[in-house]
């Protein structure tokens, strides 16, 4: 095995960690769920750093890494809404954004061919806040006091930024599709 494979191995491990994370939350083992969530977050940062630093990027990593992030966040937020810890609306926004972006990416690929999706700064920041919210909620469930107004504010900010990121991606990819459509001479 080559070290070049390490980012992909970390990504696959993060995907595999989704089931234990959900199970730990469902059985209310929030301490261990927090550990899994933190290790997953660190592995996400590490695989990205290694891929960029040593130019170990791969086609597999290019789609598997964001898919792992979407799977981890969606599964976590659905579970936290299911156990009535997070409001359903924030869970629906996180999942809805990922579904719309994924469907848009598939449609773009089908209509125009291969493309390179690069996350925006807003998207990266939103994902970071989604991870922080997950960690904060788990810390609160472990028993450490989290001020209610602070948690409510973080939930609202995550919801607003998630919605804004969705709008941003729809605008960016709609423009790209429109330009691609006109470049191919499909419209007179």
C-alpha atoms as a PDB file:
ATOM      1  CA  UNK A   1       0.000   0.000   0.000  1.00  0.00           C
ATOM      2  CA  UNK A   2       1.260   3.439  -0.963  1.00  0.00           C
ATOM      3  CA  UNK A   3       1.066   6.455   1.352  1.00  0.00           C
ATOM      4  CA  UNK A   4      -0.699   8.144  -1.551  1.00  0.00           C
ATOM      5  CA  UNK A   5      -3.768   6.062  -0.629  1.00  0.00           C
ATOM      6  CA  UNK A   6      -3.948   7.453   2.928  1.00  0.00           C
ATOM      7  CA  UNK A   7      -6.451  10.269   2.167  1.00  0.00           C
ATOM      8  CA  UNK A   8      -8.802   7.755   0.503  1.00  0.00           C
ATOM      9  CA  UNK A   9      -8.419   5.311   3.398  1.00  0.00           C
ATOM     10  CA  UNK A  10      -9.342   8.087   5.843  1.00  0.00           C
ATOM     11  CA  UNK A  11     -12.364   8.978   3.714  1.00  0.00           C
ATOM     12  CA  UNK A  12     -13.559   5.358   3.590  1.00  0.00           C
ATOM     13  CA  UNK A  13     -13.035   5.071   7.357  1.00  0.00           C
ATOM     14  CA  UNK A  14     -15.166   8.197   7.835  1.00  0.00           C
ATOM     15  CA  UNK A  15     -17.934   6.660   5.731  1.00  0.00           C
ATOM     16  CA  UNK A  16     -17.688   3.459   7.794  1.00  0.00           C
ATOM     17  CA  UNK A  17     -17.924   5.513  11.016  1.00  0.00           C
ATOM     18  CA  UNK A  18     -21.409   6.761  10.133  1.00  0.00           C
ATOM     19  CA  UNK A  19     -23.185   3.591  11.290  1.00  0.00           C
ATOM     20  CA  UNK A  20     -21.456   3.418  14.706  1.00  0.00           C
ATOM     21  CA  UNK A  21     -22.041   7.159  15.207  1.00  0.00           C
ATOM     22  CA  UNK A  22     -25.760   6.845  14.531  1.00  0.00           C
ATOM     23  CA  UNK A  23     -26.047   3.716  16.668  1.00  0.00           C
ATOM     24  CA  UNK A  24     -24.203   5.385  19.576  1.00  0.00           C
ATOM     25  CA  UNK A  25     -26.581   8.356  19.435  1.00  0.00           C
ATOM     26  CA  UNK A  26     -29.629   6.093  19.252  1.00  0.00           C
ATOM     27  CA  UNK A  27     -28.569   4.169  22.359  1.00  0.00           C
ATOM     28  CA  UNK A  28     -27.738   7.479  24.081  1.00  0.00           C
ATOM     29  CA  UNK A  29     -24.031   6.724  24.392  1.00  0.00           C
ATOM     30  CA  UNK A  30     -23.261  10.366  23.706  1.00  0.00           C
ATOM     31  CA  UNK A  31     -19.714  10.342  25.078  1.00  0.00           C
ATOM     32  CA  UNK A  32     -18.627   7.730  22.571  1.00  0.00           C
ATOM     33  CA  UNK A  33     -20.680   9.390  19.847  1.00  0.00           C
ATOM     34  CA  UNK A  34     -18.754  12.597  20.554  1.00  0.00           C
ATOM     35  CA  UNK A  35     -15.445  10.736  20.270  1.00  0.00           C
ATOM     36  CA  UNK A  36     -16.467   9.234  16.909  1.00  0.00           C
ATOM     37  CA  UNK A  37     -17.681  12.635  15.650  1.00  0.00           C
ATOM     38  CA  UNK A  38     -14.442  14.368  16.686  1.00  0.00           C
ATOM     39  CA  UNK A  39     -12.253  11.655  15.137  1.00  0.00           C
ATOM     40  CA  UNK A  40     -14.338  11.892  11.938  1.00  0.00           C
ATOM     41  CA  UNK A  41     -13.915  15.667  11.863  1.00  0.00           C
ATOM     42  CA  UNK A  42     -10.162  15.416  12.402  1.00  0.00           C
ATOM     43  CA  UNK A  43      -9.854  12.716   9.727  1.00  0.00           C
ATOM     44  CA  UNK A  44     -11.726  14.967   7.289  1.00  0.00           C
ATOM     45  CA  UNK A  45      -9.280  17.811   7.889  1.00  0.00           C
ATOM     46  CA  UNK A  46      -6.311  15.433   7.746  1.00  0.00           C
ATOM     47  CA  UNK A  47      -7.276  13.708   4.486  1.00  0.00           C
ATOM     48  CA  UNK A  48      -7.812  17.074   2.820  1.00  0.00           C
ATOM     49  CA  UNK A  49      -4.494  18.391   4.095  1.00  0.00           C
ATOM     50  CA  UNK A  50      -2.582  15.294   2.965  1.00  0.00           C
ATOM     51  CA  UNK A  51      -4.214  15.287  -0.463  1.00  0.00           C
ATOM     52  CA  UNK A  52      -3.349  18.952  -1.054  1.00  0.00           C
ATOM     53  CA  UNK A  53       0.069  19.015   0.636  1.00  0.00           C
ATOM     54  CA  UNK A  54       1.480  15.974  -1.136  1.00  0.00           C
ATOM     55  CA  UNK A  55      -0.677  16.201  -4.290  1.00  0.00           C
ATOM     56  CA  UNK A  56      -2.307  12.890  -3.429  1.00  0.00           C
ATOM     57  CA  UNK A  57      -5.636  13.924  -4.933  1.00  0.00           C
ATOM     58  CA  UNK A  58      -7.544  11.277  -6.831  1.00  0.00           C
ATOM     59  CA  UNK A  59     -10.749  11.030  -8.807  1.00  0.00           C
ATOM     60  CA  UNK A  60     -12.143   8.737  -6.096  1.00  0.00           C
ATOM     61  CA  UNK A  61     -11.242  11.194  -3.344  1.00  0.00           C
ATOM     62  CA  UNK A  62     -12.725  14.062  -5.337  1.00  0.00           C
ATOM     63  CA  UNK A  63     -16.217  12.645  -5.058  1.00  0.00           C
ATOM     64  CA  UNK A  64     -15.891  10.331  -2.021  1.00  0.00           C
ATOM     65  CA  UNK A  65     -14.685  13.033   0.381  1.00  0.00           C
ATOM     66  CA  UNK A  66     -17.667  15.366  -0.101  1.00  0.00           C
ATOM     67  CA  UNK A  67     -19.994  12.342  -0.183  1.00  0.00           C
ATOM     68  CA  UNK A  68     -18.572  11.214   3.171  1.00  0.00           C
ATOM     69  CA  UNK A  69     -19.169  14.690   4.605  1.00  0.00           C
ATOM     70  CA  UNK A  70     -22.741  14.764   3.329  1.00  0.00           C
ATOM     71  CA  UNK A  71     -23.451  11.265   4.636  1.00  0.00           C
ATOM     72  CA  UNK A  72     -21.961  12.017   8.075  1.00  0.00           C
ATOM     73  CA  UNK A  73     -23.823  15.311   8.473  1.00  0.00           C
ATOM     74  CA  UNK A  74     -27.131  14.028   7.108  1.00  0.00           C
ATOM     75  CA  UNK A  75     -27.098  10.885   9.243  1.00  0.00           C
ATOM     76  CA  UNK A  76     -26.103  12.836  12.358  1.00  0.00           C
ATOM     77  CA  UNK A  77     -28.707  15.555  11.896  1.00  0.00           C
ATOM     78  CA  UNK A  78     -31.497  13.073  11.108  1.00  0.00           C
ATOM     79  CA  UNK A  79     -30.598  11.070  14.202  1.00  0.00           C
ATOM     80  CA  UNK A  80     -30.472  14.155  16.432  1.00  0.00           C
ATOM     81  CA  UNK A  81     -33.861  15.274  15.080  1.00  0.00           C
ATOM     82  CA  UNK A  82     -35.243  11.743  15.553  1.00  0.00           C
ATOM     83  CA  UNK A  83     -34.212  11.679  19.219  1.00  0.00           C
ATOM     84  CA  UNK A  84     -35.708  15.185  19.479  1.00  0.00           C
ATOM     85  CA  UNK A  85     -32.498  17.003  20.326  1.00  0.00           C
ATOM     86  CA  UNK A  86     -32.320  19.196  17.212  1.00  0.00           C
ATOM     87  CA  UNK A  87     -35.301  20.823  15.541  1.00  0.00           C
ATOM     88  CA  UNK A  88     -36.575  18.973  12.489  1.00  0.00           C
ATOM     89  CA  UNK A  89     -36.319  22.121  10.347  1.00  0.00           C
ATOM     90  CA  UNK A  90     -32.535  22.368  10.703  1.00  0.00           C
ATOM     91  CA  UNK A  91     -32.167  18.669   9.904  1.00  0.00           C
ATOM     92  CA  UNK A  92     -34.427  19.087   6.861  1.00  0.00           C
ATOM     93  CA  UNK A  93     -32.363  22.061   5.668  1.00  0.00           C
ATOM     94  CA  UNK A  94     -29.067  20.170   5.971  1.00  0.00           C
ATOM     95  CA  UNK A  95     -30.437  17.134   4.139  1.00  0.00           C
ATOM     96  CA  UNK A  96     -32.394  19.168   1.609  1.00  0.00           C
ATOM     97  CA  UNK A  97     -29.321  21.201   0.674  1.00  0.00           C
ATOM     98  CA  UNK A  98     -27.285  18.050   0.138  1.00  0.00           C
ATOM     99  CA  UNK A  99     -30.031  16.395  -1.898  1.00  0.00           C
ATOM    100  CA  UNK A 100     -30.475  19.440  -4.146  1.00  0.00           C
ATOM    101  CA  UNK A 101     -26.716  19.853  -4.644  1.00  0.00           C
ATOM    102  CA  UNK A 102     -26.242  16.143  -5.369  1.00  0.00           C
ATOM    103  CA  UNK A 103     -29.179  16.065  -7.792  1.00  0.00           C
ATOM    104  CA  UNK A 104     -27.871  19.187  -9.505  1.00  0.00           C
ATOM    105  CA  UNK A 105     -24.402  17.657  -9.831  1.00  0.00           C
ATOM    106  CA  UNK A 106     -25.848  14.492 -11.369  1.00  0.00           C
ATOM    107  CA  UNK A 107     -27.989  16.507 -13.773  1.00  0.00           C
ATOM    108  CA  UNK A 108     -25.020  18.656 -14.795  1.00  0.00           C
ATOM    109  CA  UNK A 109     -22.883  15.572 -15.361  1.00  0.00           C
ATOM    110  CA  UNK A 110     -25.631  13.907 -17.389  1.00  0.00           C
ATOM    111  CA  UNK A 111     -26.310  16.979 -19.516  1.00  0.00           C
ATOM    112  CA  UNK A 112     -22.821  18.393 -19.973  1.00  0.00           C
ATOM    113  CA  UNK A 113     -20.280  15.771 -18.901  1.00  0.00           C
ATOM    114  CA  UNK A 114     -17.591  15.680 -16.296  1.00  0.00           C
ATOM    115  CA  UNK A 115     -16.953  18.661 -14.084  1.00  0.00           C
ATOM    116  CA  UNK A 116     -14.846  19.610 -11.100  1.00  0.00           C
ATOM    117  CA  UNK A 117     -16.904  20.714  -8.157  1.00  0.00           C
ATOM    118  CA  UNK A 118     -14.991  22.947  -5.796  1.00  0.00           C
ATOM    119  CA  UNK A 119     -16.570  23.971  -2.518  1.00  0.00           C
ATOM    120  CA  UNK A 120     -17.040  27.683  -1.920  1.00  0.00           C
ATOM    121  CA  UNK A 121     -15.670  29.415   1.169  1.00  0.00           C
ATOM    122  CA  UNK A 122     -19.224  29.859   2.396  1.00  0.00           C
ATOM    123  CA  UNK A 123     -19.844  26.138   1.959  1.00  0.00           C
ATOM    124  CA  UNK A 124     -16.672  25.227   3.855  1.00  0.00           C
ATOM    125  CA  UNK A 125     -17.572  27.632   6.664  1.00  0.00           C
ATOM    126  CA  UNK A 126     -21.139  26.292   6.803  1.00  0.00           C
ATOM    127  CA  UNK A 127     -19.868  22.705   7.015  1.00  0.00           C
ATOM    128  CA  UNK A 128     -17.496  23.724   9.810  1.00  0.00           C
ATOM    129  CA  UNK A 129     -20.387  25.278  11.741  1.00  0.00           C
ATOM    130  CA  UNK A 130     -22.527  22.187  11.120  1.00  0.00           C
ATOM    131  CA  UNK A 131     -19.746  20.063  12.621  1.00  0.00           C
ATOM    132  CA  UNK A 132     -19.362  22.461  15.551  1.00  0.00           C
ATOM    133  CA  UNK A 133     -23.127  22.336  16.167  1.00  0.00           C
ATOM    134  CA  UNK A 134     -22.992  18.533  16.140  1.00  0.00           C
ATOM    135  CA  UNK A 135     -20.131  18.586  18.654  1.00  0.00           C
ATOM    136  CA  UNK A 136     -21.826  21.196  20.875  1.00  0.00           C
ATOM    137  CA  UNK A 137     -25.079  19.218  20.947  1.00  0.00           C
ATOM    138  CA  UNK A 138     -23.190  16.037  21.850  1.00  0.00           C
ATOM    139  CA  UNK A 139     -21.239  17.892  24.553  1.00  0.00           C
ATOM    140  CA  UNK A 140     -24.551  19.086  25.986  1.00  0.00           C
ATOM    141  CA  UNK A 141     -25.935  15.542  25.869  1.00  0.00           C
ATOM    142  CA  UNK A 142     -22.872  14.295  27.746  1.00  0.00           C
ATOM    143  CA  UNK A 143     -23.909  16.608  30.548  1.00  0.00           C
ATOM    144  CA  UNK A 144     -21.734  19.671  30.155  1.00  0.00           C
ATOM    145  CA  UNK A 145     -23.783  22.861  30.404  1.00  0.00           C
ATOM    146  CA  UNK A 146     -24.402  24.649  27.111  1.00  0.00           C
ATOM    147  CA  UNK A 147     -26.239  27.963  27.533  1.00  0.00           C
ATOM    148  CA  UNK A 148     -29.626  27.646  25.830  1.00  0.00           C
ATOM    149  CA  UNK A 149     -29.480  31.050  24.066  1.00  0.00           C
ATOM    150  CA  UNK A 150     -26.033  30.210  22.710  1.00  0.00           C
ATOM    151  CA  UNK A 151     -27.220  26.837  21.379  1.00  0.00           C
ATOM    152  CA  UNK A 152     -30.381  28.373  19.898  1.00  0.00           C
ATOM    153  CA  UNK A 153     -28.295  31.058  18.215  1.00  0.00           C
ATOM    154  CA  UNK A 154     -25.916  28.483  16.757  1.00  0.00           C
ATOM    155  CA  UNK A 155     -28.859  26.458  15.424  1.00  0.00           C
ATOM    156  CA  UNK A 156     -30.299  29.553  13.740  1.00  0.00           C
ATOM    157  CA  UNK A 157     -26.926  30.554  12.249  1.00  0.00           C
ATOM    158  CA  UNK A 158     -26.366  27.017  10.916  1.00  0.00           C
ATOM    159  CA  UNK A 159     -29.864  27.000   9.424  1.00  0.00           C
ATOM    160  CA  UNK A 160     -29.435  30.398   7.777  1.00  0.00           C
ATOM    161  CA  UNK A 161     -25.979  29.607   6.386  1.00  0.00           C
ATOM    162  CA  UNK A 162     -27.144  26.217   5.124  1.00  0.00           C
ATOM    163  CA  UNK A 163     -30.001  27.893   3.240  1.00  0.00           C
ATOM    164  CA  UNK A 164     -27.668  30.594   1.921  1.00  0.00           C
ATOM    165  CA  UNK A 165     -25.164  27.958   0.754  1.00  0.00           C
ATOM    166  CA  UNK A 166     -27.944  26.141  -1.085  1.00  0.00           C
ATOM    167  CA  UNK A 167     -28.956  29.335  -2.873  1.00  0.00           C
ATOM    168  CA  UNK A 168     -25.306  30.088  -3.687  1.00  0.00           C
ATOM    169  CA  UNK A 169     -24.764  26.670  -5.273  1.00  0.00           C
ATOM    170  CA  UNK A 170     -28.006  26.835  -7.237  1.00  0.00           C
ATOM    171  CA  UNK A 171     -27.003  30.235  -8.648  1.00  0.00           C
ATOM    172  CA  UNK A 172     -23.407  29.187  -9.437  1.00  0.00           C
ATOM    173  CA  UNK A 173     -24.342  25.916 -11.130  1.00  0.00           C
ATOM    174  CA  UNK A 174     -27.345  27.365 -12.939  1.00  0.00           C
ATOM    175  CA  UNK A 175     -25.064  30.005 -14.439  1.00  0.00           C
ATOM    176  CA  UNK A 176     -22.484  27.395 -15.413  1.00  0.00           C
ATOM    177  CA  UNK A 177     -25.155  25.226 -17.000  1.00  0.00           C
ATOM    178  CA  UNK A 178     -26.592  28.213 -18.862  1.00  0.00           C
ATOM    179  CA  UNK A 179     -23.136  29.201 -20.184  1.00  0.00           C
ATOM    180  CA  UNK A 180     -22.304  25.610 -21.091  1.00  0.00           C
ATOM    181  CA  UNK A 181     -25.637  25.282 -22.829  1.00  0.00           C
ATOM    182  CA  UNK A 182     -24.952  28.390 -24.931  1.00  0.00           C
ATOM    183  CA  UNK A 183     -21.326  27.390 -25.654  1.00  0.00           C
ATOM    184  CA  UNK A 184     -22.477  24.071 -27.076  1.00  0.00           C
ATOM    185  CA  UNK A 185     -24.774  25.974 -29.410  1.00  0.00           C
ATOM    186  CA  UNK A 186     -27.852  24.314 -28.034  1.00  0.00           C
ATOM    187  CA  UNK A 187     -29.772  27.584 -28.024  1.00  0.00           C
ATOM    188  CA  UNK A 188     -29.977  29.951 -30.999  1.00  0.00           C
END
